[in-house]
Amino acid sequence: MTKRIQHWFFLLSTALVLMFSLSAAASNETSANSESERLGESVVRHEVIGFAGADYWRAVKDGQEGYTTSQSPEHGVLISVPGQTWFIMKEKWMSPLGALAIFGSLVMVALAYVVVGPLKLSKPKTGRKIKRWSRFDRALHWSLAFTFLTLAFSGLTLVYGKYFIKPIVPTELWGWVIYAAKQYHNYIGPLFAIFLVAVLIKWWRKSIFNKVDMQWFMKMGGMVGKHKGSHPSAGFSNGGEKAIFWLLIFFGAFIVVSGFILDFPLFGQTRRDMELSHLVHMLSALVLICGFIFHIYIGLFGMEAGLDGMITGEVDETWAKEHHDLWYEEVKDLPENQPGYDEKVEVDKKGNAAQDNA
């Protein structure tokens, strides 16, 4: 199962690399088309100015308001000049730097795998299983992971699709692709907010930092450098897992709030509010995308048996001892962690005992 997931993750990573490569190639074609578009715009601008007069459009560009019966915010502003500044910042700075950050994260995890290598267990597996995650925990984790990854993919399609999809598909198909990405992003976004709140409520107690986590960070988790393979002490969650958790909650909250502002422009938001929300939304999503590239790498490639717990709910005794020794000492003597334990039999015993007491 783990090898199959690794295979699909490798294919996805390859697709992302190809995506950004194609975007570079497509940008050359876009620059050629943009020249003709500029010529067309100059003709239109000349006709419009001639129709209304240069003084009129000069006043509009300076931000002078007119008169209208509309009661919406900025109802008297015909052209939002600062919007052009936002457009330039998004197209010339944010989009290229975002692509560079994602591509750079993929390159870094690839180098980490080649240069540093995965963190192996120091001793062989014993075969004894330790219960780590319940079915509800796993369902919540994978539900949040699915919504986040698909929202990230649809969001990247909205931002970069015109570079790597539009040039190679028919115009009609491109229209449906971008429409589907936008609708999916708008309607699934609130579902991500629900899962995020559920994750916060369920796991915040296990994610409070303590002195043990500081020592874990000082040894860099035993993954690199002179401490590689040392397996520093940790409770149920180690310092790295707690950092990922709070990274998700903090930037996820920014994504949710800014996303609702963009999704529901019904509460007096001005164009400046929408632009600021768009900026916060993009930057927060970018941080989480890059962060979860490393999170996925650790689970699939960077740590031996790192994904077992989230697939089966159980981890091998050796893995528990080496990566979460303090937690292992707390749970090793629990009934569910004893050899031959049958969860169904235990439930039946509790049910029978309850009936006897009644």
Protein backbone atom coordinates (compact mmCIF):
# COMPACT_ATOMS: atom_id res chain seq x y z
CA MET A 1 0.00 0.00 0.00
CA THR A 2 2.78 2.41 0.96
CA LYS A 3 4.74 1.62 -2.22
CA ARG A 4 1.65 2.32 -4.31
CA ILE A 5 1.18 5.69 -2.62
CA GLN A 6 4.87 6.47 -3.16
CA HIS A 7 4.44 5.62 -6.84
CA TRP A 8 1.50 7.99 -7.23
CA PHE A 9 3.29 10.74 -5.33
CA PHE A 10 6.28 10.36 -7.67
CA LEU A 11 3.96 10.69 -10.67
CA LEU A 12 2.31 13.77 -9.17
CA SER A 13 5.68 15.40 -8.46
CA THR A 14 6.81 14.69 -12.02
CA ALA A 15 3.59 16.23 -13.33
CA LEU A 16 4.17 19.38 -11.28
CA VAL A 17 7.72 19.72 -12.59
CA LEU A 18 6.47 19.31 -16.15
CA MET A 19 3.72 21.81 -15.42
CA PHE A 20 6.17 24.57 -14.52
CA SER A 21 8.42 23.64 -17.44
CA LEU A 22 5.50 23.99 -19.83
CA SER A 23 4.55 27.29 -18.23
CA ALA A 24 7.97 28.68 -19.13
CA ALA A 25 7.58 27.54 -22.72
CA ALA A 26 4.05 28.87 -22.96
CA SER A 27 5.08 32.27 -21.64
CA ASN A 28 7.11 32.86 -24.82
CA GLU A 29 4.01 32.27 -26.94
CA THR A 30 1.97 34.47 -24.61
CA SER A 31 4.43 37.34 -24.99
CA ALA A 32 4.04 37.14 -28.78
CA ASN A 33 0.26 37.25 -28.51
CA SER A 34 0.36 40.07 -26.00
CA GLU A 35 1.96 42.35 -28.58
CA SER A 36 -0.99 41.97 -30.92
CA GLU A 37 -3.38 42.42 -28.01
CA ARG A 38 -1.65 45.68 -27.08
CA LEU A 39 -2.09 46.93 -30.65
CA GLY A 40 -5.79 46.12 -30.49
CA GLU A 41 -6.13 47.83 -27.12
CA SER A 42 -4.48 50.99 -28.43
CA VAL A 43 -7.05 51.19 -31.24
CA VAL A 44 -9.93 50.74 -28.80
CA ARG A 45 -8.45 53.29 -26.40
CA HIS A 46 -8.10 55.81 -29.21
CA GLU A 47 -11.75 55.35 -30.22
CA VAL A 48 -13.01 55.61 -26.62
CA ILE A 49 -11.03 58.77 -25.92
CA GLY A 50 -12.29 60.27 -29.14
CA PHE A 51 -15.88 59.50 -28.17
CA ALA A 52 -15.85 60.87 -24.61
CA GLY A 53 -13.01 63.35 -24.77
CA ALA A 54 -9.54 63.34 -23.22
CA ASP A 55 -10.57 65.57 -20.30
CA TYR A 56 -13.31 63.14 -19.28
CA TRP A 57 -11.00 60.11 -19.18
CA ARG A 58 -8.29 62.11 -17.46
CA ALA A 59 -10.74 62.87 -14.64
CA VAL A 60 -11.77 59.20 -14.45
CA LYS A 61 -8.17 58.06 -14.24
CA ASP A 62 -7.47 60.56 -11.46
CA GLY A 63 -10.18 58.88 -9.40
CA GLN A 64 -12.85 61.58 -9.71
CA GLU A 65 -16.25 60.15 -8.81
CA GLY A 66 -19.37 60.53 -10.90
CA TYR A 67 -23.06 60.18 -10.09
CA THR A 68 -25.10 56.96 -10.05
CA THR A 69 -28.21 55.63 -8.35
CA SER A 70 -26.31 52.51 -7.20
CA GLN A 71 -25.85 52.14 -3.43
CA SER A 72 -22.95 49.69 -3.58
CA PRO A 73 -19.48 50.57 -2.19
CA GLU A 74 -17.38 52.68 -4.57
CA HIS A 75 -20.46 53.07 -6.75
CA GLY A 76 -19.21 56.34 -8.17
CA VAL A 77 -15.79 55.01 -9.26
CA LEU A 78 -15.82 54.00 -12.94
CA ILE A 79 -12.21 52.82 -13.15
CA SER A 80 -10.16 51.63 -10.17
CA VAL A 81 -6.65 52.83 -10.97
CA PRO A 82 -4.98 51.08 -7.96
CA GLY A 83 -6.38 47.82 -9.38
CA GLN A 84 -3.78 48.02 -12.13
CA THR A 85 -1.05 48.09 -9.47
CA TRP A 86 -2.56 44.97 -7.89
CA PHE A 87 -2.70 43.25 -11.30
CA ILE A 88 0.97 43.99 -11.99
CA MET A 89 2.03 42.80 -8.53
CA LYS A 90 0.07 39.54 -8.94
CA GLU A 91 1.17 38.76 -12.50
CA LYS A 92 4.77 40.03 -12.39
CA TRP A 93 5.76 39.14 -8.83
CA MET A 94 3.42 36.87 -6.88
CA SER A 95 2.73 34.27 -9.59
CA PRO A 96 6.38 33.78 -10.66
CA LEU A 97 7.67 33.73 -7.07
CA GLY A 98 4.93 31.29 -6.08
CA ALA A 99 5.90 28.93 -8.90
CA LEU A 100 9.55 29.24 -7.87
CA ALA A 101 8.72 28.42 -4.23
CA ILE A 102 6.73 25.29 -5.13
CA PHE A 103 9.28 24.10 -7.65
CA GLY A 104 12.08 24.84 -5.16
CA SER A 105 10.34 22.80 -2.45
CA LEU A 106 10.07 19.82 -4.80
CA VAL A 107 13.76 20.13 -5.68
CA MET A 108 14.72 20.37 -2.00
CA VAL A 109 12.89 17.20 -1.00
CA ALA A 110 14.40 15.40 -3.99
CA LEU A 111 17.89 16.50 -2.89
CA ALA A 112 17.11 15.52 0.70
CA TYR A 113 16.22 12.02 -0.45
CA VAL A 114 19.36 11.69 -2.59
CA VAL A 115 21.87 13.42 -0.29
CA VAL A 116 20.55 12.74 3.23
CA GLY A 117 18.43 9.67 2.58
CA PRO A 118 15.47 8.34 4.58
CA LEU A 119 15.58 7.84 8.34
CA LYS A 120 15.72 4.08 8.95
CA LEU A 121 14.79 2.15 12.05
CA SER A 122 17.82 1.23 14.19
CA LYS A 123 16.44 -2.23 15.01
CA PRO A 124 14.25 -4.74 13.14
CA LYS A 125 10.48 -4.61 13.53
CA THR A 126 9.12 -6.87 16.27
CA GLY A 127 5.73 -7.46 14.68
CA ARG A 128 3.90 -6.30 17.80
CA LYS A 129 1.42 -3.56 16.95
CA ILE A 130 0.72 -0.46 19.04
CA LYS A 131 -2.59 1.37 18.55
CA ARG A 132 -1.93 4.97 17.52
CA TRP A 133 -4.85 6.41 15.50
CA SER A 134 -8.56 5.64 15.71
CA ARG A 135 -10.76 5.29 12.64
CA PHE A 136 -12.19 8.74 13.29
CA ASP A 137 -8.67 10.22 13.50
CA ARG A 138 -7.70 8.66 10.19
CA ALA A 139 -10.96 9.66 8.49
CA LEU A 140 -10.48 13.26 9.68
CA HIS A 141 -6.84 13.33 8.55
CA TRP A 142 -7.51 11.98 5.07
CA SER A 143 -10.63 14.13 4.60
CA LEU A 144 -8.65 17.27 5.38
CA ALA A 145 -5.74 16.09 3.23
CA PHE A 146 -8.03 15.38 0.25
CA THR A 147 -9.83 18.72 0.43
CA PHE A 148 -6.59 20.66 0.88
CA LEU A 149 -4.75 18.94 -1.98
CA THR A 150 -7.68 19.25 -4.40
CA LEU A 151 -8.23 22.88 -3.44
CA ALA A 152 -4.51 23.51 -3.93
CA PHE A 153 -4.66 21.87 -7.36
CA SER A 154 -7.75 23.84 -8.43
CA GLY A 155 -6.23 27.06 -7.08
CA LEU A 156 -2.98 26.46 -8.98
CA THR A 157 -5.06 25.79 -12.09
CA LEU A 158 -6.75 29.18 -11.71
CA VAL A 159 -3.39 30.93 -11.32
CA TYR A 160 -1.15 28.98 -13.72
CA GLY A 161 -3.61 27.18 -15.98
CA LYS A 162 -3.38 29.87 -18.66
CA TYR A 163 0.32 29.04 -19.03
CA PHE A 164 0.35 25.23 -19.13
CA ILE A 165 -3.22 24.14 -19.98
CA LYS A 166 -4.70 26.85 -22.19
CA PRO A 167 -2.00 26.67 -24.93
CA ILE A 168 -2.47 22.91 -25.46
CA VAL A 169 -6.26 22.41 -25.26
CA PRO A 170 -9.16 23.66 -27.42
CA THR A 171 -10.69 26.96 -26.37
CA GLU A 172 -14.03 25.33 -25.50
CA LEU A 173 -12.34 22.74 -23.28
CA TRP A 174 -10.23 25.41 -21.59
CA GLY A 175 -13.40 27.30 -20.71
CA TRP A 176 -14.88 24.23 -19.04
CA VAL A 177 -11.61 23.46 -17.21
CA ILE A 178 -11.29 26.91 -15.69
CA TYR A 179 -15.02 27.03 -14.88
CA ALA A 180 -14.87 23.64 -13.13
CA ALA A 181 -11.76 24.68 -11.15
CA LYS A 182 -13.41 27.91 -10.02
CA GLN A 183 -16.68 26.26 -8.98
CA TYR A 184 -14.91 23.44 -7.16
CA HIS A 185 -12.69 25.92 -5.33
CA ASN A 186 -15.61 28.10 -4.27
CA TYR A 187 -17.90 25.30 -3.08
CA ILE A 188 -15.36 22.95 -1.44
CA GLY A 189 -13.57 25.79 0.37
CA PRO A 190 -16.16 25.97 3.19
CA LEU A 191 -15.80 22.19 3.66
CA PHE A 192 -12.07 22.71 4.29
CA ALA A 193 -12.99 25.25 6.98
CA ILE A 194 -15.19 22.67 8.74
CA PHE A 195 -12.45 20.03 8.70
CA LEU A 196 -9.90 22.58 9.94
CA VAL A 197 -12.04 23.42 12.99
CA ALA A 198 -12.56 19.69 13.66
CA VAL A 199 -8.80 19.06 13.53
CA LEU A 200 -8.15 21.95 15.93
CA ILE A 201 -10.70 20.65 18.44
CA LYS A 202 -9.50 17.05 18.15
CA TRP A 203 -5.72 17.46 18.35
CA TRP A 204 -4.80 20.79 19.94
CA ARG A 205 -4.05 19.19 23.34
CA LYS A 206 -1.54 16.82 21.74
CA SER A 207 0.19 19.73 19.97
CA ILE A 208 1.22 21.95 22.90
CA PHE A 209 4.99 22.52 22.90
CA ASN A 210 7.15 21.55 25.88
CA LYS A 211 10.83 21.20 26.83
CA VAL A 212 11.09 17.79 25.15
CA ASP A 213 10.17 19.41 21.84
CA MET A 214 12.92 22.00 22.24
CA GLN A 215 15.47 19.21 22.63
CA TRP A 216 13.93 17.48 19.59
CA PHE A 217 14.49 20.62 17.52
CA MET A 218 18.04 21.03 18.80
CA LYS A 219 18.81 17.54 17.49
CA MET A 220 16.88 18.33 14.28
CA GLY A 221 14.64 15.36 14.86
CA GLY A 222 17.55 12.97 14.44
CA MET A 223 17.12 13.23 10.66
CA VAL A 224 20.22 15.17 9.54
CA GLY A 225 23.71 16.10 10.65
CA LYS A 226 25.64 14.54 13.51
CA HIS A 227 22.39 13.57 15.27
CA LYS A 228 21.00 11.54 12.36
CA GLY A 229 19.66 8.24 13.59
CA SER A 230 19.72 9.30 17.26
CA HIS A 231 15.89 9.24 17.59
CA PRO A 232 15.41 12.05 20.17
CA SER A 233 12.68 11.58 22.76
CA ALA A 234 9.10 12.58 21.97
CA GLY A 235 5.60 12.15 23.32
CA PHE A 236 2.60 11.30 21.17
CA SER A 237 3.58 14.12 18.78
CA ASN A 238 7.16 15.26 18.24
CA GLY A 239 8.26 18.84 17.70
CA GLY A 240 8.07 18.62 13.92
CA GLU A 241 4.51 17.27 13.95
CA LYS A 242 3.43 20.01 16.34
CA ALA A 243 5.02 22.67 14.13
CA ILE A 244 3.15 21.33 11.09
CA PHE A 245 -0.09 21.28 13.10
CA TRP A 246 0.14 24.93 14.17
CA LEU A 247 1.36 25.96 10.71
CA LEU A 248 -1.82 24.39 9.33
CA ILE A 249 -4.07 26.04 11.92
CA PHE A 250 -2.49 29.51 11.67
CA PHE A 251 -2.26 29.87 7.90
CA GLY A 252 -5.39 27.76 7.42
CA ALA A 253 -7.31 30.35 9.44
CA PHE A 254 -6.05 33.11 7.14
CA ILE A 255 -7.06 31.02 4.12
CA VAL A 256 -10.56 30.43 5.52
CA VAL A 257 -11.25 34.06 6.48
CA SER A 258 -9.89 35.53 3.25
CA GLY A 259 -11.67 32.82 1.27
CA PHE A 260 -15.04 33.68 2.80
CA ILE A 261 -14.50 37.35 1.98
CA LEU A 262 -13.79 36.42 -1.64
CA ASP A 263 -16.61 33.85 -1.81
CA PHE A 264 -19.29 36.16 -0.42
CA PRO A 265 -18.79 39.77 -1.63
CA LEU A 266 -22.13 40.77 -0.10
CA PHE A 267 -21.12 42.67 3.02
CA GLY A 268 -19.81 45.97 1.73
CA GLN A 269 -16.35 44.79 0.66
CA THR A 270 -14.55 47.32 -1.50
CA ARG A 271 -12.16 46.45 -4.30
CA ARG A 272 -9.26 47.14 -1.95
CA ASP A 273 -10.72 44.65 0.54
CA MET A 274 -10.99 42.01 -2.18
CA GLU A 275 -7.44 42.63 -3.39
CA LEU A 276 -6.02 42.39 0.13
CA SER A 277 -8.01 39.21 0.76
CA HIS A 278 -6.71 37.75 -2.50
CA LEU A 279 -3.13 38.58 -1.48
CA VAL A 280 -3.53 36.98 1.98
CA HIS A 281 -5.26 33.95 0.44
CA MET A 282 -2.49 33.34 -2.09
CA LEU A 283 0.41 33.81 0.33
CA SER A 284 -1.14 31.62 3.05
CA ALA A 285 -1.98 28.87 0.57
CA LEU A 286 1.56 29.04 -0.81
CA VAL A 287 3.06 28.58 2.67
CA LEU A 288 0.87 25.54 3.33
CA ILE A 289 1.53 23.99 -0.09
CA CYS A 290 5.29 24.23 0.43
CA GLY A 291 5.01 23.02 4.02
CA PHE A 292 2.95 19.99 3.08
CA ILE A 293 5.34 19.04 0.31
CA PHE A 294 7.84 18.38 3.12
CA HIS A 295 5.16 16.74 5.29
CA ILE A 296 4.21 14.35 2.48
CA TYR A 297 7.88 13.63 1.78
CA ILE A 298 8.50 12.61 5.41
CA GLY A 299 5.45 10.35 5.43
CA LEU A 300 6.16 8.64 2.10
CA PHE A 301 9.94 8.65 1.70
CA GLY A 302 11.78 10.38 4.55
CA MET A 303 10.99 8.00 7.41
CA GLU A 304 10.74 4.22 7.40
CA ALA A 305 7.20 3.06 8.28
CA GLY A 306 6.16 6.70 8.77
CA LEU A 307 2.84 6.23 6.98
CA ASP A 308 1.75 2.96 8.57
CA GLY A 309 -0.10 4.58 11.46
CA MET A 310 -2.33 6.70 9.23
CA ILE A 311 -3.17 3.73 6.99
CA THR A 312 -3.85 0.95 9.48
CA GLY A 313 -4.11 2.91 12.74
CA GLU A 314 -1.27 0.85 14.23
CA VAL A 315 2.52 1.16 14.31
CA ASP A 316 5.22 -1.38 14.97
CA GLU A 317 6.62 -1.52 18.48
CA THR A 318 10.14 -0.70 17.25
CA TRP A 319 8.89 2.43 15.45
CA ALA A 320 6.99 3.55 18.56
CA LYS A 321 10.04 3.05 20.81
CA GLU A 322 12.42 4.93 18.54
CA HIS A 323 10.29 7.88 17.41
CA HIS A 324 7.84 8.38 20.31
CA ASP A 325 9.47 6.65 23.26
CA LEU A 326 7.69 8.70 25.96
CA TRP A 327 4.30 7.94 24.44
CA TYR A 328 5.25 4.25 24.05
CA GLU A 329 5.99 3.99 27.77
CA GLU A 330 2.55 5.42 28.52
CA VAL A 331 0.55 3.05 26.29
CA LYS A 332 2.57 -0.19 26.05
CA ASP A 333 0.68 -1.84 28.94
CA LEU A 334 -2.82 -0.89 27.76
CA PRO A 335 -5.08 -3.87 26.91
CA GLU A 336 -5.42 -2.91 23.25
CA ASN A 337 -1.64 -3.06 22.83
CA GLN A 338 -1.23 -6.60 24.17
CA PRO A 339 -0.51 -9.51 21.80
CA GLY A 340 -3.66 -11.36 20.80
CA TYR A 341 -5.98 -8.54 21.83
CA ASP A 342 -9.30 -8.65 19.99
CA GLU A 343 -11.09 -5.33 19.99
CA LYS A 344 -14.46 -6.92 19.17
CA VAL A 345 -14.20 -9.36 22.10
CA GLU A 346 -13.33 -6.48 24.43
CA VAL A 347 -16.38 -4.52 23.28
CA ASP A 348 -18.62 -7.58 23.81
CA LYS A 349 -17.23 -8.03 27.32
CA LYS A 350 -18.02 -4.42 28.21
CA GLY A 351 -21.52 -4.81 26.77
CA ASN A 352 -22.17 -7.98 28.77
CA ALA A 353 -20.85 -6.36 31.93
CA ALA A 354 -23.20 -3.40 31.43
CA GLN A 355 -26.16 -5.77 31.02
CA ASP A 356 -25.23 -7.68 34.21
CA ASN A 357 -25.06 -4.43 36.18
CA ALA A 358 -28.46 -3.44 34.85
